[in-house]
C-alpha cells in the first residue's frame, strides 16, 4: 500500500494559514474538536502543525496574555513544541507507521513541498489491524524479511 490509498485530501482537512491569529486557531480547533491542525503558507506549502499544547504554553508563558487578547498574537509567534514531519506522496507504508507512533496525523506533500493532505493515525492502525487479522486467519502469509 502507498500513501495515496490512505490520503485524506487537503479539501477535506481543516488547515490554518500560518499567519492566522491564536484566536482563529483556538476557535477553529474548538469547533472541529481537533487538538492539532496543519499550517500552510501563502503558497500552500506545509510549514508545521499547531497544537493545543503550543497555544496553552504561549498563554502561560506570555505575561498579560489571556483568551480575550489572543486575536493580537499571530501563529508565527507561537513556538511549536512538536514537529509533525511530513512525508512525500511517494512514501511507503513503513514511513507512515514510524511517524504515526508520535503524530496524530502525517502531513503529505508533493515534490514542491505543497500540502496535499494527511494520513490519519487511525487509518494506519486500521490497516495494520486488518493485516494482522488476515495473517491470523491465513488469508495472507507475511514475508519473513518484513517481520
C-alpha atoms as a PDB file:
ATOM      1  CA  UNK A   1       0.000   0.000   0.000  1.00  0.00           C
ATOM      2  CA  UNK A   2       1.138   3.524  -0.661  1.00  0.00           C
ATOM      3  CA  UNK A   3       0.287   6.958   0.691  1.00  0.00           C
ATOM      4  CA  UNK A   4      -2.419   7.923  -1.865  1.00  0.00           C
ATOM      5  CA  UNK A   5      -4.528   4.947  -0.734  1.00  0.00           C
ATOM      6  CA  UNK A   6      -4.779   6.435   2.790  1.00  0.00           C
ATOM      7  CA  UNK A   7      -4.771  10.135   1.896  1.00  0.00           C
ATOM      8  CA  UNK A   8      -7.426  12.477   3.234  1.00  0.00           C
ATOM      9  CA  UNK A   9      -7.171  15.228   0.606  1.00  0.00           C
ATOM     10  CA  UNK A  10      -6.496  18.850   1.508  1.00  0.00           C
ATOM     11  CA  UNK A  11     -10.070  19.949   0.739  1.00  0.00           C
ATOM     12  CA  UNK A  12     -11.298  17.566   3.468  1.00  0.00           C
ATOM     13  CA  UNK A  13      -8.729  18.682   6.058  1.00  0.00           C
ATOM     14  CA  UNK A  14      -9.013  21.597   8.471  1.00  0.00           C
ATOM     15  CA  UNK A  15      -5.929  23.759   7.940  1.00  0.00           C
ATOM     16  CA  UNK A  16      -4.876  27.203   9.056  1.00  0.00           C
ATOM     17  CA  UNK A  17      -2.744  29.810   7.338  1.00  0.00           C
ATOM     18  CA  UNK A  18       0.471  30.177   9.332  1.00  0.00           C
ATOM     19  CA  UNK A  19      -0.288  33.900   9.678  1.00  0.00           C
ATOM     20  CA  UNK A  20      -3.637  33.263  11.411  1.00  0.00           C
ATOM     21  CA  UNK A  21      -4.132  34.512  14.955  1.00  0.00           C
ATOM     22  CA  UNK A  22      -4.229  32.440  18.097  1.00  0.00           C
ATOM     23  CA  UNK A  23      -7.923  33.299  18.432  1.00  0.00           C
ATOM     24  CA  UNK A  24      -8.649  31.934  14.965  1.00  0.00           C
ATOM     25  CA  UNK A  25      -6.746  28.751  15.784  1.00  0.00           C
ATOM     26  CA  UNK A  26      -8.471  28.274  19.136  1.00  0.00           C
ATOM     27  CA  UNK A  27     -11.923  28.812  17.664  1.00  0.00           C
ATOM     28  CA  UNK A  28     -11.344  26.516  14.680  1.00  0.00           C
ATOM     29  CA  UNK A  29      -9.854  23.792  16.872  1.00  0.00           C
ATOM     30  CA  UNK A  30     -12.722  24.048  19.350  1.00  0.00           C
ATOM     31  CA  UNK A  31     -15.367  23.985  16.610  1.00  0.00           C
ATOM     32  CA  UNK A  32     -13.893  20.900  14.930  1.00  0.00           C
ATOM     33  CA  UNK A  33     -12.746  19.339  18.224  1.00  0.00           C
ATOM     34  CA  UNK A  34      -9.173  18.899  16.986  1.00  0.00           C
ATOM     35  CA  UNK A  35      -6.085  19.019  19.156  1.00  0.00           C
ATOM     36  CA  UNK A  36      -3.725  19.764  16.242  1.00  0.00           C
ATOM     37  CA  UNK A  37      -4.072  21.468  12.856  1.00  0.00           C
ATOM     38  CA  UNK A  38      -1.639  21.702   9.910  1.00  0.00           C
ATOM     39  CA  UNK A  39      -0.317  25.151   8.987  1.00  0.00           C
ATOM     40  CA  UNK A  40       0.263  26.239   5.403  1.00  0.00           C
ATOM     41  CA  UNK A  41       1.896  29.319   3.928  1.00  0.00           C
ATOM     42  CA  UNK A  42       0.685  31.611   1.162  1.00  0.00           C
ATOM     43  CA  UNK A  43       1.978  29.201  -1.494  1.00  0.00           C
ATOM     44  CA  UNK A  44       0.130  26.253   0.047  1.00  0.00           C
ATOM     45  CA  UNK A  45       3.305  24.700   1.427  1.00  0.00           C
ATOM     46  CA  UNK A  46       3.205  22.798   4.692  1.00  0.00           C
ATOM     47  CA  UNK A  47       5.079  24.763   7.377  1.00  0.00           C
ATOM     48  CA  UNK A  48       4.167  22.914  10.565  1.00  0.00           C
ATOM     49  CA  UNK A  49       1.410  21.884  12.916  1.00  0.00           C
ATOM     50  CA  UNK A  50      -0.084  23.949  15.725  1.00  0.00           C
ATOM     51  CA  UNK A  51      -1.322  22.060  18.776  1.00  0.00           C
ATOM     52  CA  UNK A  52      -3.473  22.883  21.781  1.00  0.00           C
ATOM     53  CA  UNK A  53      -0.349  22.496  23.879  1.00  0.00           C
ATOM     54  CA  UNK A  54       1.519  25.099  21.823  1.00  0.00           C
ATOM     55  CA  UNK A  55      -1.313  27.567  22.364  1.00  0.00           C
ATOM     56  CA  UNK A  56      -1.595  26.841  26.082  1.00  0.00           C
ATOM     57  CA  UNK A  57       2.173  27.200  26.612  1.00  0.00           C
ATOM     58  CA  UNK A  58       2.112  30.530  24.754  1.00  0.00           C
ATOM     59  CA  UNK A  59      -0.673  31.821  27.018  1.00  0.00           C
ATOM     60  CA  UNK A  60       1.093  30.543  30.144  1.00  0.00           C
ATOM     61  CA  UNK A  61       4.482  31.999  29.193  1.00  0.00           C
ATOM     62  CA  UNK A  62       3.299  35.391  27.933  1.00  0.00           C
ATOM     63  CA  UNK A  63       2.577  37.874  30.725  1.00  0.00           C
ATOM     64  CA  UNK A  64      -0.775  39.591  30.247  1.00  0.00           C
ATOM     65  CA  UNK A  65      -1.941  37.228  27.518  1.00  0.00           C
ATOM     66  CA  UNK A  66      -5.429  35.841  28.030  1.00  0.00           C
ATOM     67  CA  UNK A  67      -8.085  34.463  25.717  1.00  0.00           C
ATOM     68  CA  UNK A  68      -9.541  37.948  25.326  1.00  0.00           C
ATOM     69  CA  UNK A  69      -6.435  39.276  23.575  1.00  0.00           C
ATOM     70  CA  UNK A  70      -5.338  36.202  21.602  1.00  0.00           C
ATOM     71  CA  UNK A  71      -6.531  37.979  18.459  1.00  0.00           C
ATOM     72  CA  UNK A  72      -3.368  40.118  18.726  1.00  0.00           C
ATOM     73  CA  UNK A  73      -0.956  37.172  18.580  1.00  0.00           C
ATOM     74  CA  UNK A  74      -0.133  35.542  15.254  1.00  0.00           C
ATOM     75  CA  UNK A  75       0.682  31.837  14.994  1.00  0.00           C
ATOM     76  CA  UNK A  76       4.092  32.795  13.628  1.00  0.00           C
ATOM     77  CA  UNK A  77       4.812  33.997  17.202  1.00  0.00           C
ATOM     78  CA  UNK A  78       3.789  30.705  18.820  1.00  0.00           C
ATOM     79  CA  UNK A  79       6.620  28.182  19.287  1.00  0.00           C
ATOM     80  CA  UNK A  80       5.763  24.717  18.027  1.00  0.00           C
ATOM     81  CA  UNK A  81       6.912  22.176  20.588  1.00  0.00           C
ATOM     82  CA  UNK A  82       6.356  19.194  18.328  1.00  0.00           C
ATOM     83  CA  UNK A  83       7.293  18.980  14.689  1.00  0.00           C
ATOM     84  CA  UNK A  84       4.879  16.803  12.713  1.00  0.00           C
ATOM     85  CA  UNK A  85       7.148  15.542   9.962  1.00  0.00           C
ATOM     86  CA  UNK A  86       5.565  15.305   6.523  1.00  0.00           C
ATOM     87  CA  UNK A  87       6.024  12.530   4.005  1.00  0.00           C
ATOM     88  CA  UNK A  88       6.265  12.768   0.255  1.00  0.00           C
ATOM     89  CA  UNK A  89       3.303  11.435  -1.709  1.00  0.00           C
ATOM     90  CA  UNK A  90       5.541   8.574  -2.941  1.00  0.00           C
ATOM     91  CA  UNK A  91       6.428   7.417   0.606  1.00  0.00           C
ATOM     92  CA  UNK A  92       5.978   3.814   1.671  1.00  0.00           C
ATOM     93  CA  UNK A  93       3.722   2.443   4.386  1.00  0.00           C
ATOM     94  CA  UNK A  94       6.737   1.851   6.649  1.00  0.00           C
ATOM     95  CA  UNK A  95       7.406   5.612   6.660  1.00  0.00           C
ATOM     96  CA  UNK A  96       3.836   6.302   7.738  1.00  0.00           C
ATOM     97  CA  UNK A  97       3.901   3.726  10.529  1.00  0.00           C
ATOM     98  CA  UNK A  98       7.085   5.075  12.096  1.00  0.00           C
ATOM     99  CA  UNK A  99       5.774   8.663  12.089  1.00  0.00           C
ATOM    100  CA  UNK A 100       2.294   7.695  13.320  1.00  0.00           C
ATOM    101  CA  UNK A 101       3.754   6.411  16.568  1.00  0.00           C
ATOM    102  CA  UNK A 102       4.291  10.023  17.663  1.00  0.00           C
ATOM    103  CA  UNK A 103       1.902  12.008  15.442  1.00  0.00           C
ATOM    104  CA  UNK A 104      -1.923  12.037  15.310  1.00  0.00           C
ATOM    105  CA  UNK A 105      -1.640  12.500  11.574  1.00  0.00           C
ATOM    106  CA  UNK A 106       1.077  12.562   8.964  1.00  0.00           C
ATOM    107  CA  UNK A 107       1.073  15.561   6.602  1.00  0.00           C
ATOM    108  CA  UNK A 108       1.611  14.666   2.944  1.00  0.00           C
ATOM    109  CA  UNK A 109       3.420  16.941   0.492  1.00  0.00           C
ATOM    110  CA  UNK A 110       4.181  16.889  -3.215  1.00  0.00           C
ATOM    111  CA  UNK A 111       7.516  17.435  -4.990  1.00  0.00           C
ATOM    112  CA  UNK A 112       7.337  21.195  -4.345  1.00  0.00           C
ATOM    113  CA  UNK A 113       6.525  20.870  -0.623  1.00  0.00           C
ATOM    114  CA  UNK A 114       2.892  21.807  -1.232  1.00  0.00           C
ATOM    115  CA  UNK A 115       0.476  20.349   1.308  1.00  0.00           C
ATOM    116  CA  UNK A 116      -1.861  17.875  -0.374  1.00  0.00           C
ATOM    117  CA  UNK A 117      -3.497  16.208   2.631  1.00  0.00           C
ATOM    118  CA  UNK A 118      -2.953  13.996   5.646  1.00  0.00           C
ATOM    119  CA  UNK A 119      -2.921  10.362   6.610  1.00  0.00           C
ATOM    120  CA  UNK A 120      -4.670   9.843   9.944  1.00  0.00           C
ATOM    121  CA  UNK A 121      -3.131   7.581  12.567  1.00  0.00           C
ATOM    122  CA  UNK A 122      -6.486   5.810  12.921  1.00  0.00           C
ATOM    123  CA  UNK A 123      -6.401   4.824   9.234  1.00  0.00           C
ATOM    124  CA  UNK A 124      -2.890   3.419   9.640  1.00  0.00           C
ATOM    125  CA  UNK A 125      -3.906   1.443  12.730  1.00  0.00           C
ATOM    126  CA  UNK A 126      -6.998   0.086  10.939  1.00  0.00           C
ATOM    127  CA  UNK A 127      -4.802  -1.052   8.045  1.00  0.00           C
ATOM    128  CA  UNK A 128      -2.351  -2.791  10.393  1.00  0.00           C
ATOM    129  CA  UNK A 129      -5.207  -4.439  12.300  1.00  0.00           C
ATOM    130  CA  UNK A 130      -6.651  -5.798   9.040  1.00  0.00           C
ATOM    131  CA  UNK A 131      -3.233  -7.184   8.084  1.00  0.00           C
ATOM    132  CA  UNK A 132      -2.877  -8.878  11.472  1.00  0.00           C
ATOM    133  CA  UNK A 133      -6.325 -10.414  11.143  1.00  0.00           C
ATOM    134  CA  UNK A 134      -5.518 -11.676   7.646  1.00  0.00           C
ATOM    135  CA  UNK A 135      -2.290 -13.221   8.955  1.00  0.00           C
ATOM    136  CA  UNK A 136      -4.187 -14.849  11.814  1.00  0.00           C
ATOM    137  CA  UNK A 137      -6.798 -16.344   9.507  1.00  0.00           C
ATOM    138  CA  UNK A 138      -4.209 -17.442   6.935  1.00  0.00           C
ATOM    139  CA  UNK A 139      -5.523 -15.180   4.168  1.00  0.00           C
ATOM    140  CA  UNK A 140      -2.019 -13.762   3.781  1.00  0.00           C
ATOM    141  CA  UNK A 141       1.345 -15.043   4.848  1.00  0.00           C
ATOM    142  CA  UNK A 142       3.833 -12.349   5.879  1.00  0.00           C
ATOM    143  CA  UNK A 143       7.275 -12.345   4.336  1.00  0.00           C
ATOM    144  CA  UNK A 144       9.946 -13.375   6.791  1.00  0.00           C
ATOM    145  CA  UNK A 145      12.023 -10.305   5.898  1.00  0.00           C
ATOM    146  CA  UNK A 146       9.166  -7.946   6.797  1.00  0.00           C
ATOM    147  CA  UNK A 147       8.765  -9.245  10.360  1.00  0.00           C
END
